[in-house]
C-alpha cells in the first residue's frame, strides 16, 4: 500500500497510486483555501492470503495525525 495522505485535496495534488476517489465534499475552511475533502478507496493485496487477519492495529507516532478507517471489505 502506498503512504496514506491527508484528506484535504486540491486539483493540483497528484492522485495516490492504487487509489480512486470514493467521495468528495466541502466545508467552510476547505472552500476558503480552494480545497476539497476527499476520501479514497485503496486496494491492497494481502501478501499472506493463506493466513487469517484477526485484527488491525493503529499505532501512535505521537503526532497530531488523526487516522480513521471508514470500511474494510474482503474481495477475491
Protein backbone atom coordinates (compact mmCIF):
# COMPACT_ATOMS: atom_id res chain seq x y z
CA UNK A 1 0.00 0.00 0.00
CA UNK A 2 1.15 3.50 -0.70
CA UNK A 3 1.54 6.05 2.04
CA UNK A 4 -1.80 7.38 3.15
CA UNK A 5 -2.46 11.03 2.65
CA UNK A 6 -4.30 13.97 4.08
CA UNK A 7 -7.98 14.10 3.18
CA UNK A 8 -7.73 17.77 2.19
CA UNK A 9 -7.11 17.62 -1.53
CA UNK A 10 -6.58 20.20 -4.29
CA UNK A 11 -6.98 19.78 -8.04
CA UNK A 12 -3.18 20.14 -8.33
CA UNK A 13 -2.48 17.26 -5.91
CA UNK A 14 -1.38 14.03 -7.50
CA UNK A 15 -3.78 11.13 -7.16
CA UNK A 16 -2.31 8.46 -4.86
CA UNK A 17 -1.25 5.21 -6.54
CA UNK A 18 -3.67 2.30 -6.22
CA UNK A 19 -6.46 4.67 -5.20
CA UNK A 20 -9.66 6.09 -6.60
CA UNK A 21 -11.76 8.89 -5.24
CA UNK A 22 -14.69 7.49 -3.27
CA UNK A 23 -16.25 10.73 -2.01
CA UNK A 24 -15.60 14.46 -2.08
CA UNK A 25 -17.11 17.31 -0.11
CA UNK A 26 -16.53 20.81 1.16
CA UNK A 27 -16.66 22.72 4.40
CA UNK A 28 -16.16 26.43 5.17
CA UNK A 29 -12.41 26.09 5.67
CA UNK A 30 -11.70 23.99 2.58
CA UNK A 31 -13.74 26.36 0.44
CA UNK A 32 -11.74 29.36 1.70
CA UNK A 33 -8.49 27.56 0.84
CA UNK A 34 -9.61 26.28 -2.58
CA UNK A 35 -9.54 22.67 -1.43
CA UNK A 36 -11.95 19.81 -1.02
CA UNK A 37 -12.30 16.94 1.41
CA UNK A 38 -11.64 13.65 -0.35
CA UNK A 39 -11.89 10.03 0.77
CA UNK A 40 -10.05 7.42 -1.27
CA UNK A 41 -10.53 3.73 -1.92
CA UNK A 42 -7.22 1.90 -1.70
CA UNK A 43 -6.76 -1.62 -2.99
CA UNK A 44 -4.23 -3.71 -1.10
CA UNK A 45 -3.17 -7.24 -1.97
CA UNK A 46 -2.51 -9.34 1.12
CA UNK A 47 0.91 -10.97 0.64
CA UNK A 48 -0.18 -13.66 3.12
CA UNK A 49 -3.55 -14.57 1.59
CA UNK A 50 -3.39 -18.03 3.16
CA UNK A 51 -3.45 -16.51 6.67
CA UNK A 52 -6.44 -15.09 8.51
CA UNK A 53 -6.37 -11.43 9.50
CA UNK A 54 -7.55 -11.32 13.09
CA UNK A 55 -7.04 -7.65 13.91
CA UNK A 56 -5.81 -4.33 12.62
CA UNK A 57 -3.88 -2.01 14.93
CA UNK A 58 -3.42 1.73 14.81
CA UNK A 59 -0.07 2.52 16.39
CA UNK A 60 0.53 6.09 17.51
CA UNK A 61 3.58 8.01 16.36
CA UNK A 62 2.66 10.72 18.90
CA UNK A 63 1.94 13.30 16.18
CA UNK A 64 -1.15 15.39 15.51
CA UNK A 65 -2.32 12.90 12.88
CA UNK A 66 -5.81 11.53 13.41
CA UNK A 67 -6.15 8.39 11.30
CA UNK A 68 -9.57 6.92 10.74
CA UNK A 69 -10.97 3.96 8.88
CA UNK A 70 -14.32 4.10 7.10
CA UNK A 71 -14.64 0.47 5.95
CA UNK A 72 -12.81 -2.72 5.02
CA UNK A 73 -14.09 -5.34 2.63
CA UNK A 74 -12.78 -8.68 1.50
CA UNK A 75 -12.51 -9.25 -2.20
CA UNK A 76 -11.40 -12.28 -4.10
